[in-house]
Amino acid sequence: MFLNGTNMYPGIYRFTKGITEMSDDESSDRKLDILWGAAAIARFINRTRRQTHHLLHQGAIDAAKKIGGRWCADCGGLRRQFCTPSKPGQP
């Protein structure tokens, strides 16, 4: 924290007289439901890590992509892909 009371790192909580507050930019970041790592994705879709790695490498999970060598996935996209009932006549 700088001497004038501003925070030198954006996105970090500011402590003012014992009260924790967040700006609008910081609170919008908290609304992102992103899973990081194949193990977290596996738990979310109720599969083993090995099954999930296979699905990820085959490109079968539309909501997942690799960022910086690490898999990540949007929870909303996973819900749409895995929790949406299929229509009659579709596999």
C-alpha atoms as a PDB file:
ATOM      1  CA  MET A   1       0.000   0.000   0.000  1.00  0.00           C
ATOM      2  CA  PHE A   2       1.256   3.451  -0.834  1.00  0.00           C
ATOM      3  CA  LEU A   3       1.544   6.165   1.787  1.00  0.00           C
ATOM      4  CA  ASN A   4      -1.475   7.986   0.355  1.00  0.00           C
ATOM      5  CA  GLY A   5      -3.656   4.940   1.115  1.00  0.00           C
ATOM      6  CA  THR A   6      -4.099   3.690  -2.446  1.00  0.00           C
ATOM      7  CA  ASN A   7      -3.368   0.117  -3.331  1.00  0.00           C
ATOM      8  CA  MET A   8      -0.406  -0.514  -5.616  1.00  0.00           C
ATOM      9  CA  TYR A   9      -1.898  -3.778  -6.893  1.00  0.00           C
ATOM     10  CA  PRO A  10      -5.300  -3.602  -8.613  1.00  0.00           C
ATOM     11  CA  GLY A  11      -7.625  -6.436  -7.729  1.00  0.00           C
ATOM     12  CA  ILE A  12      -6.398  -6.790  -4.151  1.00  0.00           C
ATOM     13  CA  TYR A  13      -8.730  -6.037  -1.282  1.00  0.00           C
ATOM     14  CA  ARG A  14      -8.342  -2.637   0.276  1.00  0.00           C
ATOM     15  CA  PHE A  15      -8.427  -2.352   4.035  1.00  0.00           C
ATOM     16  CA  THR A  16      -9.788   0.956   5.259  1.00  0.00           C
ATOM     17  CA  LYS A  17     -10.264   1.298   9.008  1.00  0.00           C
ATOM     18  CA  GLY A  18     -10.837  -2.452   9.325  1.00  0.00           C
ATOM     19  CA  ILE A  19     -13.474  -2.617   6.565  1.00  0.00           C
ATOM     20  CA  THR A  20     -12.841  -4.757   3.507  1.00  0.00           C
ATOM     21  CA  GLU A  21     -14.266  -3.351   0.296  1.00  0.00           C
ATOM     22  CA  MET A  22     -14.030  -4.204  -3.387  1.00  0.00           C
ATOM     23  CA  SER A  23     -14.427  -2.056  -6.459  1.00  0.00           C
ATOM     24  CA  ASP A  24     -16.851  -2.946  -9.270  1.00  0.00           C
ATOM     25  CA  ASP A  25     -14.026  -4.377 -11.393  1.00  0.00           C
ATOM     26  CA  GLU A  26     -12.960  -6.709  -8.609  1.00  0.00           C
ATOM     27  CA  SER A  27     -16.495  -7.907  -7.838  1.00  0.00           C
ATOM     28  CA  SER A  28     -17.159  -8.673 -11.510  1.00  0.00           C
ATOM     29  CA  ASP A  29     -14.045 -10.888 -11.520  1.00  0.00           C
ATOM     30  CA  ARG A  30     -15.533 -12.934  -8.698  1.00  0.00           C
ATOM     31  CA  LYS A  31     -18.600 -13.707 -10.828  1.00  0.00           C
ATOM     32  CA  LEU A  32     -16.520 -15.714 -13.288  1.00  0.00           C
ATOM     33  CA  ASP A  33     -17.075 -19.399 -12.633  1.00  0.00           C
ATOM     34  CA  ILE A  34     -13.893 -20.870 -14.018  1.00  0.00           C
ATOM     35  CA  LEU A  35     -12.420 -24.215 -13.039  1.00  0.00           C
ATOM     36  CA  TRP A  36      -8.639 -24.473 -13.244  1.00  0.00           C
ATOM     37  CA  GLY A  37      -6.990 -27.840 -13.804  1.00  0.00           C
ATOM     38  CA  ALA A  38      -8.173 -31.149 -15.161  1.00  0.00           C
ATOM     39  CA  ALA A  39      -8.785 -32.501 -11.640  1.00  0.00           C
ATOM     40  CA  ALA A  40     -11.281 -29.711 -10.863  1.00  0.00           C
ATOM     41  CA  ILE A  41     -13.018 -30.238 -14.196  1.00  0.00           C
ATOM     42  CA  ALA A  42     -13.159 -33.996 -13.496  1.00  0.00           C
ATOM     43  CA  ARG A  43     -14.846 -33.425 -10.131  1.00  0.00           C
ATOM     44  CA  PHE A  44     -17.358 -31.062 -11.704  1.00  0.00           C
ATOM     45  CA  ILE A  45     -18.409 -33.466 -14.480  1.00  0.00           C
ATOM     46  CA  ASN A  46     -18.207 -36.499 -12.156  1.00  0.00           C
ATOM     47  CA  ARG A  47     -15.542 -38.346 -14.144  1.00  0.00           C
ATOM     48  CA  THR A  48     -12.097 -39.667 -13.242  1.00  0.00           C
ATOM     49  CA  ARG A  49      -9.023 -37.567 -13.979  1.00  0.00           C
ATOM     50  CA  ARG A  50      -7.959 -40.041 -16.635  1.00  0.00           C
ATOM     51  CA  GLN A  51     -11.338 -39.946 -18.388  1.00  0.00           C
ATOM     52  CA  THR A  52     -11.343 -36.155 -18.221  1.00  0.00           C
ATOM     53  CA  HIS A  53      -7.815 -35.893 -19.650  1.00  0.00           C
ATOM     54  CA  HIS A  54      -8.904 -38.087 -22.537  1.00  0.00           C
ATOM     55  CA  LEU A  55     -11.987 -35.931 -23.183  1.00  0.00           C
ATOM     56  CA  LEU A  56      -9.915 -32.739 -22.976  1.00  0.00           C
ATOM     57  CA  HIS A  57      -7.267 -33.948 -25.401  1.00  0.00           C
ATOM     58  CA  GLN A  58      -9.913 -35.193 -27.844  1.00  0.00           C
ATOM     59  CA  GLY A  59     -11.621 -31.776 -27.761  1.00  0.00           C
ATOM     60  CA  ALA A  60     -14.853 -33.311 -26.526  1.00  0.00           C
ATOM     61  CA  ILE A  61     -15.388 -30.670 -23.834  1.00  0.00           C
ATOM     62  CA  ASP A  62     -16.437 -27.495 -25.633  1.00  0.00           C
ATOM     63  CA  ALA A  63     -16.186 -25.230 -22.578  1.00  0.00           C
ATOM     64  CA  ALA A  64     -12.537 -26.139 -21.880  1.00  0.00           C
ATOM     65  CA  LYS A  65      -9.313 -24.772 -23.291  1.00  0.00           C
ATOM     66  CA  LYS A  66      -5.676 -24.738 -22.357  1.00  0.00           C
ATOM     67  CA  ILE A  67      -4.225 -21.497 -21.026  1.00  0.00           C
ATOM     68  CA  GLY A  68      -0.561 -21.349 -20.136  1.00  0.00           C
ATOM     69  CA  GLY A  69      -0.258 -25.117 -20.197  1.00  0.00           C
ATOM     70  CA  ARG A  70      -3.158 -25.576 -17.788  1.00  0.00           C
ATOM     71  CA  TRP A  71      -6.703 -26.658 -18.596  1.00  0.00           C
ATOM     72  CA  CYS A  72      -9.543 -24.359 -17.613  1.00  0.00           C
ATOM     73  CA  ALA A  73     -13.280 -24.540 -18.188  1.00  0.00           C
ATOM     74  CA  ASP A  74     -16.302 -22.322 -17.743  1.00  0.00           C
ATOM     75  CA  CYS A  75     -18.804 -23.820 -15.288  1.00  0.00           C
ATOM     76  CA  GLY A  76     -21.762 -22.467 -17.246  1.00  0.00           C
ATOM     77  CA  GLY A  77     -20.510 -24.070 -20.440  1.00  0.00           C
ATOM     78  CA  LEU A  78     -19.973 -27.379 -18.666  1.00  0.00           C
ATOM     79  CA  ARG A  79     -23.502 -27.230 -17.260  1.00  0.00           C
ATOM     80  CA  ARG A  80     -24.947 -26.549 -20.718  1.00  0.00           C
ATOM     81  CA  GLN A  81     -22.969 -29.383 -22.291  1.00  0.00           C
ATOM     82  CA  PHE A  82     -23.418 -32.051 -19.614  1.00  0.00           C
ATOM     83  CA  CYS A  83     -26.673 -31.166 -17.867  1.00  0.00           C
ATOM     84  CA  THR A  84     -28.900 -30.320 -20.836  1.00  0.00           C
ATOM     85  CA  PRO A  85     -31.248 -33.186 -21.660  1.00  0.00           C
ATOM     86  CA  SER A  86     -30.882 -34.343 -25.247  1.00  0.00           C
ATOM     87  CA  LYS A  87     -33.839 -34.096 -27.595  1.00  0.00           C
ATOM     88  CA  PRO A  88     -35.565 -37.277 -28.736  1.00  0.00           C
ATOM     89  CA  GLY A  89     -33.780 -38.823 -31.693  1.00  0.00           C
ATOM     90  CA  GLN A  90     -30.388 -37.326 -30.750  1.00  0.00           C
ATOM     91  CA  PRO A  91     -27.637 -39.335 -29.063  1.00  0.00           C
END
